[in-house]
Amino acid sequence: MKKINIDRETLEDLYINKKMSLSSLSSIIGCSTMTAYNYCIKYNIKLRNRKTACTMGNLKRKGKSYEEQYGIKRARELRKKCSHAAGKTYEEMYGKEKSDIMKKNISISSKGRPNGLKGITKEKFFGIEKANNIKRKISKNSARYWLNKKRSPETIEKIRQATIKQLKEGRMPTRETNIEKIFKKALKNNNMKFEEQKQFKLGIADFYLPKFKAFVFCDGDYWHNYPNGKPRDSKQVEYLEQEDFKAYRFWGHEILDNVDNCINIIVEKKYK
């Protein structure tokens, strides 16, 4: 076997100046990736960490077709593989037993590794227009997946708890509704201390009034099924009353028509 010698200047030029990967530069030099790696160690050339390598690789591939990245022949092979796997789960492609092993191996190998795209939004990576298209596709696929399917009570509870946790930690963006803004202004005008988005076991209330030991919900007529309300709304009220709290649910039209009357209801019940 012919021994390949790589000089330091060539390696530094390709790896550092031209920012090529070990795989790419090894194909140019005509050696294996491991050989290129060993020469980097020999010459004390600082290797990139996984996060930097992933980010550079993704930015280089951005906007390029398979043909531009891999050549026509390799691109055809990849497209053929993708067409066979399109829309299929691991279970459908490999069977339950093999798919479980693959998922476990992926999970184990990924632990502790930095994510090269962490902190980079879809808008920053793809651009606003493409990012919006991707989000729409994800939303449609999710809706299609759950069509005519029912989540188990355990799954619903897990989703609910995860949502509450995200809201509490501020990781889920929320927007104040118009009726919440009006109610908040009325509380300030009446010098009533309050906390916004107060969490409790069965959900999150729009406001909590410590002085009155009261949770307040501003329910939009449409979203909370006026005039009947939703089953979970009554369950929340029952739970809070059992825990010795007061719970007030005001309809959107009540707040819009006369928010001061809503405030008076809370105050009058306190001093009855």
Protein backbone atom coordinates (compact mmCIF):
# COMPACT_ATOMS: atom_id res chain seq x y z
CA MET A 1 0.00 0.00 0.00
CA LYS A 2 1.35 3.41 -0.98
CA LYS A 3 2.02 5.69 1.95
CA ILE A 4 0.47 9.15 1.62
CA ASN A 5 2.31 12.15 3.03
CA ILE A 6 0.38 15.33 3.70
CA ASP A 7 2.34 18.50 4.40
CA ARG A 8 1.21 20.94 7.06
CA GLU A 9 0.71 23.89 4.66
CA THR A 10 -1.71 21.95 2.42
CA LEU A 11 -3.69 20.66 5.39
CA GLU A 12 -3.98 24.09 7.01
CA ASP A 13 -4.99 25.70 3.71
CA LEU A 14 -7.80 23.22 3.06
CA TYR A 15 -9.03 22.75 6.62
CA ILE A 16 -8.58 26.21 8.16
CA ASN A 17 -8.47 28.72 5.30
CA LYS A 18 -10.94 27.05 2.90
CA LYS A 19 -12.97 25.61 5.83
CA MET A 20 -13.34 22.19 4.26
CA SER A 21 -14.40 19.15 6.25
CA LEU A 22 -12.00 16.25 6.85
CA SER A 23 -14.16 14.12 4.57
CA SER A 24 -14.01 16.66 1.73
CA LEU A 25 -10.30 17.38 1.93
CA SER A 26 -9.43 13.67 2.20
CA SER A 27 -11.24 13.00 -1.11
CA ILE A 28 -9.17 15.77 -2.77
CA ILE A 29 -5.87 14.55 -1.34
CA GLY A 30 -6.72 10.92 -2.06
CA CYS A 31 -6.58 9.50 1.45
CA SER A 32 -9.02 8.28 4.07
CA THR A 33 -10.74 10.62 6.54
CA MET A 34 -8.89 8.86 9.38
CA THR A 35 -5.53 9.61 7.72
CA ALA A 36 -6.42 13.30 7.44
CA TYR A 37 -7.53 13.26 11.09
CA ASN A 38 -4.24 11.67 12.23
CA TYR A 39 -2.19 14.28 10.36
CA CYS A 40 -4.19 17.07 12.05
CA ILE A 41 -3.28 15.53 15.42
CA LYS A 42 0.36 15.18 14.31
CA TYR A 43 0.61 18.86 13.31
CA ASN A 44 -1.37 20.08 16.37
CA ILE A 45 -4.08 21.59 14.17
CA LYS A 46 -7.10 22.41 16.32
CA LEU A 47 -10.10 20.36 15.21
CA ARG A 48 -13.59 21.82 15.07
CA ASN A 49 -16.13 20.72 17.66
CA ARG A 50 -19.33 19.01 16.55
CA LYS A 51 -21.48 22.14 16.93
CA THR A 52 -19.24 24.25 14.66
CA ALA A 53 -18.90 21.45 12.10
CA CYS A 54 -22.70 20.91 11.95
CA THR A 55 -23.39 24.63 11.58
CA MET A 56 -20.80 25.06 8.81
CA GLY A 57 -22.07 21.98 6.96
CA ASN A 58 -25.70 23.15 7.10
CA LEU A 59 -24.81 26.66 5.92
CA LYS A 60 -22.78 25.24 2.99
CA ARG A 61 -25.70 23.03 1.92
CA LYS A 62 -28.27 25.81 2.31
CA GLY A 63 -30.21 26.32 -0.91
CA LYS A 64 -28.23 23.68 -2.85
CA SER A 65 -29.85 20.79 -4.69
CA TYR A 66 -28.75 17.15 -4.33
CA GLU A 67 -27.11 17.41 -7.78
CA GLU A 68 -25.01 20.40 -6.71
CA GLN A 69 -23.96 18.68 -3.49
CA TYR A 70 -23.36 15.08 -4.58
CA GLY A 71 -23.36 14.96 -8.39
CA ILE A 72 -26.07 13.58 -10.71
CA LYS A 73 -25.44 9.86 -10.15
CA ARG A 74 -25.40 10.04 -6.33
CA ALA A 75 -28.36 12.43 -6.34
CA ARG A 76 -30.48 9.89 -8.28
CA GLU A 77 -29.66 7.19 -5.73
CA LEU A 78 -30.59 9.46 -2.83
CA ARG A 79 -33.85 10.54 -4.44
CA LYS A 80 -34.76 6.91 -5.07
CA LYS A 81 -34.15 6.05 -1.42
CA CYS A 82 -36.16 9.08 -0.26
CA SER A 83 -39.13 8.17 -2.48
CA HIS A 84 -39.27 4.67 -0.96
CA ALA A 85 -39.15 6.05 2.59
CA ALA A 86 -41.48 9.05 2.06
CA GLY A 87 -44.18 9.23 4.71
CA LYS A 88 -43.12 5.94 6.32
CA THR A 89 -42.23 5.40 9.96
CA TYR A 90 -39.27 3.34 11.20
CA GLU A 91 -41.76 0.59 12.11
CA GLU A 92 -43.13 0.44 8.55
CA MET A 93 -39.66 0.37 6.98
CA TYR A 94 -37.78 -1.94 9.36
CA GLY A 95 -40.33 -3.66 11.60
CA LYS A 96 -41.07 -3.07 15.28
CA GLU A 97 -38.08 -4.90 16.77
CA LYS A 98 -35.41 -3.32 14.56
CA SER A 99 -36.97 0.15 14.77
CA ASP A 100 -36.91 0.02 18.61
CA ILE A 101 -33.21 -0.89 18.55
CA MET A 102 -32.45 1.93 16.07
CA LYS A 103 -34.33 4.51 18.14
CA LYS A 104 -32.54 3.40 21.31
CA ASN A 105 -29.12 3.60 19.61
CA ILE A 106 -29.89 7.07 18.22
CA SER A 107 -30.98 8.24 21.68
CA ILE A 108 -27.84 6.87 23.37
CA SER A 109 -25.45 8.28 20.75
CA SER A 110 -27.11 11.72 20.83
CA LYS A 111 -26.88 12.21 24.61
CA GLY A 112 -24.43 14.90 25.62
CA ARG A 113 -23.82 16.09 22.06
CA PRO A 114 -24.28 19.80 21.37
CA ASN A 115 -26.91 20.71 18.79
CA GLY A 116 -25.32 22.57 15.89
CA LEU A 117 -28.56 24.47 15.14
CA LYS A 118 -29.51 25.29 18.73
CA GLY A 119 -30.61 28.91 19.03
CA ILE A 120 -30.99 29.32 15.24
CA THR A 121 -34.60 29.96 14.25
CA LYS A 122 -36.21 28.67 11.04
CA GLU A 123 -36.52 32.28 9.85
CA LYS A 124 -32.79 32.89 10.35
CA PHE A 125 -31.75 29.65 8.69
CA PHE A 126 -34.22 29.45 5.76
CA GLY A 127 -35.53 32.99 5.43
CA ILE A 128 -39.01 34.22 6.42
CA GLU A 129 -40.91 33.02 3.34
CA LYS A 130 -39.50 29.47 3.34
CA ALA A 131 -39.81 29.23 7.13
CA ASN A 132 -43.54 30.08 6.94
CA ASN A 133 -44.04 27.41 4.24
CA ILE A 134 -42.27 24.82 6.41
CA LYS A 135 -44.42 25.73 9.43
CA ARG A 136 -47.59 25.40 7.33
CA LYS A 137 -46.50 21.95 6.09
CA ILE A 138 -45.74 20.80 9.65
CA SER A 139 -49.15 22.03 10.81
CA LYS A 140 -50.97 20.25 7.94
CA ASN A 141 -49.06 17.01 8.50
CA SER A 142 -49.85 17.10 12.22
CA ALA A 143 -53.56 17.67 11.53
CA ARG A 144 -53.55 14.85 8.94
CA TYR A 145 -51.87 12.46 11.39
CA TRP A 146 -54.46 13.03 14.13
CA LEU A 147 -57.46 12.86 11.75
CA ASN A 148 -59.97 10.26 13.07
CA LYS A 149 -57.54 9.35 15.89
CA LYS A 150 -58.19 9.74 19.58
CA ARG A 151 -55.56 10.54 22.18
CA SER A 152 -55.63 8.46 25.35
CA PRO A 153 -56.43 10.22 28.68
CA GLU A 154 -52.80 9.64 29.72
CA THR A 155 -51.50 11.38 26.56
CA ILE A 156 -53.92 14.30 27.00
CA GLU A 157 -52.75 14.74 30.60
CA LYS A 158 -49.07 14.67 29.56
CA ILE A 159 -49.68 17.29 26.86
CA ARG A 160 -51.62 19.47 29.31
CA GLN A 161 -48.87 19.31 31.95
CA ALA A 162 -46.18 20.05 29.35
CA THR A 163 -48.15 23.08 28.09
CA ILE A 164 -48.61 24.40 31.64
CA LYS A 165 -44.89 23.99 32.32
CA GLN A 166 -43.93 25.82 29.12
CA LEU A 167 -46.31 28.69 29.91
CA LYS A 168 -45.02 28.94 33.48
CA GLU A 169 -41.37 29.05 32.34
CA GLY A 170 -42.16 31.58 29.62
CA ARG A 171 -41.09 29.21 26.81
CA MET A 172 -44.43 29.41 25.02
CA PRO A 173 -45.28 32.81 23.52
CA THR A 174 -48.66 34.14 24.65
CA ARG A 175 -50.63 37.14 23.51
CA GLU A 176 -52.93 39.17 25.69
CA THR A 177 -56.45 39.09 24.35
CA ASN A 178 -58.47 42.29 24.11
CA ILE A 179 -60.70 41.33 27.05
CA GLU A 180 -57.61 40.54 29.19
CA LYS A 181 -56.19 43.99 28.42
CA ILE A 182 -59.47 45.67 29.41
CA PHE A 183 -59.72 43.65 32.65
CA LYS A 184 -56.06 44.34 33.50
CA LYS A 185 -56.60 48.09 33.04
CA ALA A 186 -59.69 47.96 35.30
CA LEU A 187 -57.69 46.18 38.04
CA LYS A 188 -55.01 48.89 37.87
CA ASN A 189 -57.61 51.68 37.98
CA ASN A 190 -59.05 50.11 41.16
CA ASN A 191 -55.58 49.68 42.75
CA MET A 192 -56.03 45.91 43.00
CA LYS A 193 -52.85 43.86 43.20
CA PHE A 194 -52.79 40.92 40.82
CA GLU A 195 -50.62 38.26 39.20
CA GLU A 196 -50.95 37.36 35.52
CA GLN A 197 -51.07 33.83 34.10
CA LYS A 198 -51.25 32.15 37.51
CA GLN A 199 -50.68 28.41 37.44
CA PHE A 200 -52.62 25.87 39.48
CA LYS A 201 -52.99 22.11 39.28
CA LEU A 202 -55.66 22.00 36.55
CA GLY A 203 -54.48 24.87 34.39
CA ILE A 204 -53.60 28.57 34.28
CA ALA A 205 -55.84 31.47 35.24
CA ASP A 206 -55.65 34.86 33.52
CA PHE A 207 -55.38 36.69 36.86
CA TYR A 208 -54.89 35.90 40.55
CA LEU A 209 -55.90 38.44 43.22
CA PRO A 210 -53.99 37.64 46.47
CA LYS A 211 -56.10 39.98 48.65
CA PHE A 212 -59.31 38.25 47.57
CA LYS A 213 -57.72 34.81 47.24
CA ALA A 214 -59.44 34.67 43.88
CA PHE A 215 -58.63 33.29 40.43
CA VAL A 216 -60.13 35.17 37.49
CA PHE A 217 -60.75 33.76 34.00
CA CYS A 218 -61.58 35.98 31.02
CA ASP A 219 -63.42 33.60 28.69
CA GLY A 220 -63.91 34.55 25.06
CA ASP A 221 -67.45 33.76 23.93
CA TYR A 222 -66.31 31.74 20.91
CA TRP A 223 -63.35 29.86 22.40
CA HIS A 224 -65.22 28.86 25.56
CA ASN A 225 -68.48 27.88 23.84
CA TYR A 226 -70.89 30.59 25.09
CA PRO A 227 -73.36 30.16 26.75
CA ASN A 228 -72.72 26.56 27.86
CA GLY A 229 -68.99 26.74 28.54
CA LYS A 230 -66.57 23.83 28.34
CA PRO A 231 -66.49 20.84 30.73
CA ARG A 232 -62.92 21.66 31.82
CA ASP A 233 -64.01 25.20 32.83
CA SER A 234 -66.49 23.91 35.42
CA LYS A 235 -63.94 21.34 36.65
CA GLN A 236 -61.42 24.11 37.28
CA VAL A 237 -63.95 26.14 39.28
CA GLU A 238 -64.93 23.09 41.38
CA TYR A 239 -61.29 22.26 42.10
CA LEU A 240 -60.40 25.82 43.19
CA GLU A 241 -63.46 26.08 45.45
CA GLN A 242 -62.54 22.74 47.07
CA GLU A 243 -59.06 24.18 47.72
CA ASP A 244 -60.69 27.16 49.51
CA PHE A 245 -60.16 29.66 46.68
CA LYS A 246 -62.71 31.79 44.88
CA ALA A 247 -63.01 31.42 41.11
CA TYR A 248 -64.64 33.91 38.77
CA ARG A 249 -65.30 33.30 35.10
CA PHE A 250 -66.41 36.32 33.09
CA TRP A 251 -67.63 36.09 29.51
CA GLY A 252 -65.98 38.28 26.91
CA HIS A 253 -69.17 40.26 26.22
CA GLU A 254 -69.61 40.94 29.98
CA ILE A 255 -66.13 42.47 30.15
CA LEU A 256 -66.66 44.49 26.96
CA ASP A 257 -70.10 45.76 28.03
CA ASN A 258 -69.31 46.63 31.65
CA VAL A 259 -65.93 45.67 33.11
CA ASP A 260 -66.59 47.73 36.27
CA ASN A 261 -69.53 45.47 37.08
CA CYS A 262 -67.19 42.45 36.92
CA ILE A 263 -64.82 44.16 39.37
CA ASN A 264 -67.74 44.99 41.69
CA ILE A 265 -68.83 41.34 41.76
CA ILE A 266 -65.40 40.33 43.10
CA VAL A 267 -65.27 43.17 45.66
CA GLU A 268 -68.84 42.68 46.94
CA LYS A 269 -68.35 38.93 47.51
CA LYS A 270 -65.21 39.69 49.53
CA TYR A 271 -67.03 41.96 51.96
CA LYS A 272 -70.38 40.13 52.21
